[in-house]
Amino acid sequence: HFKVEFSKRASLNKMCVLAKINQTQLKHTHTQSAPQIQNKTMNYEAQQTKSYLLIGGTGRTGVEILRKLMTSGGSSRPEVHVFCQHPTKVPDAYYPHCASIIKGDGTNQHEIESALSKTHADTVIIAIGDGDSSKKKSNVRTLNAQAVSNAMQKPGFQHVSVVLVSIAGAGGSKGGHLKSKKGFIGMKGRAFERHFKQLVEDHEGQEGIFRKSVPGRTWIVRPTILTSGESVGGVYYFQNEQNPPTKNTDRADLGNFLVDSLLRYQGKVFGSTVNITGKES
């Protein structure tokens, strides 16, 4: 089982890149009324979120989502609960503002159900990963998706929605922008190509589970390859058949886009998929 930890600990290096997204400048398929969506499956009208459960809130991507959640919404900001393996990695700046920090295994269905019960979360945000390790193949995202999906289908959790951080290249979207005209170059290039294929495979499994089980309660966000500390202040949308106009998405810009969209559009994003990449600097 998991436990909720609130203890103080030594100061950690902060990952706090503050960037403001300017959604009025989004190009390509941007609309004023709602984010551009693909593969719409259902018109799922969710109630306004009262509580978020962030799975993977201590990784580089999760921390940026947590930062934006902590600094958005003012007095009406929903509760934010962090579910992670290492609670001491939650940055000190955000630690006191989390409604709870839950130690648990993201691939364990029982622990996911317990967290949903205790937090009363109605939206789960998944930013789980394997630490970008290229040493061995990982299916942690697929295993987590199965655990969360199974929990969401239980009678007590059929109101819960999920936001999934996937990757451009999954689900038929293009990720070929990562290659030069000559392909991946050298030993490092080949290692990266192998790692990227493994990432896409894991994300494909992850997406497939939610698409099959709870499509109308799922919002899939596919950024291009993620970077840190290179914010350009916003993102572009692109369609599955389009090559992304830029190569990378900064994690701060992803966090801004994701949270801003959730707060602005609420249930309108669910049942849809969006591909994004960083704006031109």
Protein backbone atom coordinates (compact mmCIF):
# COMPACT_ATOMS: atom_id res chain seq x y z
CA HIS A 1 0.00 0.00 0.00
CA PHE A 2 0.97 3.61 -0.27
CA LYS A 3 1.42 6.24 2.37
CA VAL A 4 0.94 10.00 2.35
CA GLU A 5 4.10 11.90 3.27
CA PHE A 6 4.28 15.52 4.43
CA SER A 7 7.74 15.56 6.02
CA LYS A 8 10.30 18.32 5.39
CA ARG A 9 13.57 17.45 3.72
CA ALA A 10 16.78 18.90 2.34
CA SER A 11 16.54 21.48 -0.39
CA LEU A 12 16.62 20.11 -3.92
CA ASN A 13 17.67 21.66 -7.19
CA LYS A 14 14.63 23.37 -8.58
CA MET A 15 13.23 22.87 -12.03
CA CYS A 16 11.28 26.07 -12.28
CA VAL A 17 11.21 27.50 -15.79
CA LEU A 18 8.45 30.11 -15.78
CA ALA A 19 7.08 30.65 -19.26
CA LYS A 20 3.82 32.14 -20.38
CA ILE A 21 1.94 30.54 -23.24
CA ASN A 22 0.36 32.89 -25.75
CA GLN A 23 -2.48 30.84 -27.22
CA THR A 24 -3.63 33.62 -29.52
CA GLN A 25 -0.47 33.13 -31.57
CA LEU A 26 -0.83 29.40 -32.14
CA LYS A 27 -0.64 28.61 -35.84
CA HIS A 28 -1.90 25.98 -38.25
CA THR A 29 -5.06 24.39 -36.80
CA HIS A 30 -5.69 26.73 -33.88
CA THR A 31 -9.23 27.89 -33.16
CA GLN A 32 -10.50 30.41 -30.66
CA SER A 33 -13.25 28.19 -29.25
CA ALA A 34 -11.33 25.00 -28.42
CA PRO A 35 -8.00 23.24 -29.07
CA GLN A 36 -7.70 21.52 -32.44
CA ILE A 37 -8.61 17.90 -31.90
CA GLN A 38 -8.25 14.73 -33.93
CA ASN A 39 -9.95 11.35 -33.76
CA LYS A 40 -12.95 12.68 -31.83
CA THR A 41 -14.82 9.68 -30.47
CA MET A 42 -17.46 11.00 -28.07
CA ASN A 43 -18.97 14.25 -26.89
CA TYR A 44 -18.07 13.74 -23.27
CA GLU A 45 -19.29 16.58 -21.06
CA ALA A 46 -17.26 16.45 -17.87
CA GLN A 47 -18.08 18.40 -14.75
CA GLN A 48 -15.64 21.08 -13.70
CA THR A 49 -12.59 19.41 -12.21
CA LYS A 50 -12.34 19.68 -8.45
CA SER A 51 -9.29 17.52 -7.87
CA TYR A 52 -6.31 16.41 -9.98
CA LEU A 53 -4.22 13.29 -9.42
CA LEU A 54 -0.84 13.78 -11.10
CA ILE A 55 0.96 10.49 -11.75
CA GLY A 56 4.67 11.00 -12.35
CA GLY A 57 4.80 14.41 -10.73
CA THR A 58 8.49 14.27 -9.87
CA GLY A 59 9.91 13.67 -13.36
CA ARG A 60 11.08 16.51 -15.58
CA THR A 61 7.75 16.70 -17.40
CA GLY A 62 5.61 16.12 -14.32
CA VAL A 63 7.35 18.90 -12.39
CA GLU A 64 6.50 21.41 -15.11
CA ILE A 65 2.86 20.32 -15.08
CA LEU A 66 2.88 20.59 -11.29
CA ARG A 67 4.41 24.08 -11.49
CA LYS A 68 1.64 25.27 -13.78
CA LEU A 69 -1.07 23.67 -11.66
CA MET A 70 0.35 25.38 -8.59
CA THR A 71 0.38 28.82 -10.24
CA SER A 72 -2.97 28.74 -12.08
CA GLY A 73 -6.60 29.17 -11.16
CA GLY A 74 -6.20 31.55 -8.20
CA SER A 75 -8.50 30.85 -5.26
CA SER A 76 -10.60 28.52 -7.42
CA ARG A 77 -7.65 26.25 -8.26
CA PRO A 78 -8.58 22.56 -7.96
CA GLU A 79 -6.80 20.41 -5.42
CA VAL A 80 -3.61 18.80 -6.71
CA HIS A 81 -2.47 15.40 -5.45
CA VAL A 82 0.87 13.97 -6.54
CA PHE A 83 1.30 10.20 -6.92
CA CYS A 84 4.92 9.12 -7.27
CA GLN A 85 7.54 6.62 -6.17
CA HIS A 86 9.82 9.18 -4.51
CA PRO A 87 7.90 11.91 -2.62
CA THR A 88 11.15 13.60 -1.51
CA LYS A 89 11.73 14.59 -5.14
CA VAL A 90 8.76 16.94 -5.15
CA PRO A 91 10.35 20.43 -5.31
CA ASP A 92 10.31 22.32 -2.01
CA ALA A 93 8.51 25.27 -3.61
CA TYR A 94 5.45 23.14 -4.41
CA TYR A 95 5.52 20.65 -1.55
CA PRO A 96 3.41 22.70 0.92
CA HIS A 97 0.79 23.52 -1.73
CA CYS A 98 -0.03 19.94 -2.71
CA ALA A 99 -3.21 18.62 -1.14
CA SER A 100 -1.36 15.34 -0.64
CA ILE A 101 1.74 13.56 -1.86
CA ILE A 102 1.18 9.84 -2.22
CA LYS A 103 3.92 7.27 -2.41
CA GLY A 104 2.93 4.44 -4.68
CA ASP A 105 3.54 2.25 -7.71
CA GLY A 106 1.91 3.61 -10.86
CA THR A 107 1.59 0.10 -12.32
CA ASN A 108 -0.36 -1.22 -9.32
CA GLN A 109 -4.12 -1.05 -9.90
CA HIS A 110 -4.98 -1.41 -6.21
CA GLU A 111 -2.78 1.54 -5.29
CA ILE A 112 -4.27 3.64 -8.09
CA GLU A 113 -7.79 2.83 -6.86
CA SER A 114 -6.81 3.67 -3.28
CA ALA A 115 -5.38 7.02 -4.40
CA LEU A 116 -8.55 7.85 -6.36
CA SER A 117 -10.70 6.96 -3.36
CA LYS A 118 -8.69 8.99 -0.86
CA THR A 119 -8.23 12.07 -3.06
CA HIS A 120 -11.67 12.08 -4.75
CA ALA A 121 -9.78 13.06 -7.92
CA ASP A 122 -11.93 13.42 -11.01
CA THR A 123 -9.06 14.04 -13.46
CA VAL A 124 -5.88 11.96 -13.66
CA ILE A 125 -2.86 13.47 -15.44
CA ILE A 126 -0.27 10.89 -16.53
CA ALA A 127 3.31 12.04 -17.08
CA ILE A 128 4.95 8.76 -16.12
CA GLY A 129 8.23 7.67 -17.71
CA ASP A 130 11.35 5.60 -17.26
CA GLY A 131 13.85 8.38 -16.74
CA ASP A 132 14.78 8.46 -20.45
CA SER A 133 16.86 5.33 -19.96
CA SER A 134 18.02 3.84 -23.26
CA LYS A 135 19.77 0.87 -21.66
CA LYS A 136 16.77 -1.41 -21.75
CA LYS A 137 13.32 -1.56 -23.21
CA SER A 138 10.57 -0.28 -20.92
CA ASN A 139 6.83 -0.83 -20.93
CA VAL A 140 6.08 1.13 -17.75
CA ARG A 141 3.71 3.48 -19.60
CA THR A 142 1.66 0.59 -20.97
CA LEU A 143 1.53 -1.12 -17.58
CA ASN A 144 0.45 2.14 -15.92
CA ALA A 145 -2.24 2.67 -18.57
CA GLN A 146 -3.67 -0.78 -17.89
CA ALA A 147 -3.78 -0.13 -14.14
CA VAL A 148 -5.43 3.30 -14.50
CA SER A 149 -7.84 2.13 -17.20
CA ASN A 150 -8.96 -0.86 -15.11
CA ALA A 151 -9.55 1.45 -12.14
CA MET A 152 -11.51 3.96 -14.24
CA GLN A 153 -13.91 1.22 -15.34
CA LYS A 154 -14.87 0.35 -11.77
CA PRO A 155 -18.33 1.60 -10.68
CA GLY A 156 -16.92 4.15 -8.26
CA PHE A 157 -14.61 5.80 -10.80
CA GLN A 158 -16.65 6.05 -13.98
CA HIS A 159 -16.73 9.84 -13.62
CA VAL A 160 -12.91 10.06 -13.77
CA SER A 161 -11.17 11.43 -16.88
CA VAL A 162 -7.54 11.03 -17.91
CA VAL A 163 -4.98 13.31 -19.57
CA LEU A 164 -2.18 11.39 -21.22
CA VAL A 165 1.20 12.87 -22.19
CA SER A 166 2.24 10.72 -25.16
CA ILE A 167 4.74 11.48 -27.96
CA ALA A 168 4.66 12.69 -31.57
CA GLY A 169 5.22 9.62 -33.70
CA ALA A 170 2.61 7.55 -31.88
CA GLY A 171 -0.87 6.88 -33.19
CA GLY A 172 -0.05 7.55 -36.82
CA SER A 173 1.33 11.04 -36.18
CA LYS A 174 4.64 11.97 -37.78
CA GLY A 175 7.85 11.88 -35.81
CA GLY A 176 10.18 11.68 -38.81
CA HIS A 177 11.38 15.22 -38.21
CA LEU A 178 13.88 13.68 -35.81
CA LYS A 179 15.89 12.33 -38.73
CA SER A 180 18.29 14.21 -40.92
CA LYS A 181 18.24 13.51 -44.67
CA LYS A 182 20.80 10.80 -44.03
CA GLY A 183 18.95 9.36 -41.07
CA PHE A 184 20.26 9.08 -37.52
CA ILE A 185 24.00 9.65 -37.60
CA GLY A 186 26.73 7.67 -35.82
CA MET A 187 26.60 5.42 -32.77
CA LYS A 188 24.75 7.98 -30.66
CA GLY A 189 22.27 8.51 -33.47
CA ARG A 190 21.58 4.80 -33.79
CA ALA A 191 21.19 4.46 -30.03
CA PHE A 192 18.74 7.35 -30.03
CA GLU A 193 16.81 5.85 -32.94
CA ARG A 194 16.50 2.57 -31.03
CA HIS A 195 15.42 4.41 -27.88
CA PHE A 196 12.89 6.53 -29.78
CA LYS A 197 11.32 3.45 -31.38
CA GLN A 198 11.00 1.89 -27.93
CA LEU A 199 9.38 5.08 -26.60
CA VAL A 200 6.87 5.12 -29.46
CA GLU A 201 6.05 1.45 -28.95
CA ASP A 202 5.39 1.99 -25.24
CA HIS A 203 3.27 5.08 -25.92
CA GLU A 204 1.36 3.18 -28.63
CA GLY A 205 0.47 0.56 -26.05
CA GLN A 206 -0.47 3.28 -23.57
CA GLU A 207 -2.71 5.13 -26.02
CA GLY A 208 -4.30 1.94 -27.30
CA ILE A 209 -5.49 0.87 -23.87
CA PHE A 210 -7.27 4.16 -23.17
CA ARG A 211 -8.69 4.41 -26.70
CA LYS A 212 -10.23 0.96 -26.33
CA SER A 213 -11.49 1.23 -22.76
CA VAL A 214 -12.43 4.86 -22.00
CA PRO A 215 -12.10 6.85 -25.25
CA GLY A 216 -14.60 9.54 -24.32
CA ARG A 217 -12.85 10.24 -21.05
CA THR A 218 -9.34 10.47 -22.50
CA TRP A 219 -7.37 13.46 -23.78
CA ILE A 220 -4.09 12.53 -25.50
CA VAL A 221 -1.41 15.21 -25.89
CA ARG A 222 1.48 14.29 -28.22
CA PRO A 223 4.46 16.68 -27.98
CA THR A 224 7.54 16.41 -30.15
CA ILE A 225 10.81 15.46 -28.41
CA LEU A 226 10.89 17.20 -25.04
CA THR A 227 13.59 19.60 -23.86
CA SER A 228 14.17 21.58 -20.67
CA GLY A 229 15.22 25.19 -20.21
CA GLU A 230 14.49 26.12 -23.83
CA SER A 231 11.02 27.64 -23.55
CA VAL A 232 9.82 29.61 -26.58
CA GLY A 233 6.60 30.78 -24.96
CA GLY A 234 4.04 28.57 -26.66
CA VAL A 235 3.24 25.74 -29.05
CA TYR A 236 1.95 25.02 -32.56
CA TYR A 237 -0.61 22.37 -33.42
CA PHE A 238 -0.07 20.00 -36.34
CA GLN A 239 -2.17 17.25 -37.92
CA ASN A 240 -1.17 13.57 -37.98
CA GLU A 241 -0.27 13.73 -41.67
CA GLN A 242 1.79 16.91 -41.28
CA ASN A 243 5.48 17.14 -40.50
CA PRO A 244 5.93 19.16 -37.30
CA PRO A 245 7.09 22.71 -38.12
CA THR A 246 9.72 22.54 -35.34
CA LYS A 247 11.71 19.70 -33.76
CA ASN A 248 11.15 20.08 -30.03
CA THR A 249 8.69 21.03 -27.30
CA ASP A 250 9.98 22.52 -24.09
CA ARG A 251 8.52 20.92 -20.98
CA ALA A 252 7.54 24.29 -19.54
CA ASP A 253 5.59 25.13 -22.70
CA LEU A 254 3.93 21.69 -22.59
CA GLY A 255 2.94 22.22 -18.96
CA ASN A 256 1.52 25.66 -19.74
CA PHE A 257 -0.45 24.43 -22.74
CA LEU A 258 -1.84 21.37 -20.98
CA VAL A 259 -3.00 23.13 -17.82
CA ASP A 260 -4.27 26.24 -19.62
CA SER A 261 -6.34 24.03 -21.93
CA LEU A 262 -7.77 22.01 -19.05
CA LEU A 263 -8.76 25.11 -17.10
CA ARG A 264 -10.17 26.93 -20.12
CA TYR A 265 -11.98 24.15 -21.98
CA GLN A 266 -12.76 21.67 -19.18
CA GLY A 267 -14.63 18.62 -20.56
CA LYS A 268 -14.38 19.72 -24.20
CA VAL A 269 -10.87 18.29 -24.55
CA PHE A 270 -11.83 14.74 -23.59
CA GLY A 271 -12.37 12.22 -26.35
CA SER A 272 -9.69 13.91 -28.46
CA THR A 273 -6.01 13.94 -29.41
CA VAL A 274 -3.71 16.87 -30.16
CA ASN A 275 -0.17 16.97 -31.60
CA ILE A 276 1.98 19.92 -30.51
CA THR A 277 5.48 21.29 -31.00
CA GLY A 278 7.33 24.34 -29.76
CA LYS A 279 6.87 27.68 -31.51
CA GLU A 280 9.73 29.07 -33.56
CA SER A 281 12.12 30.97 -31.31
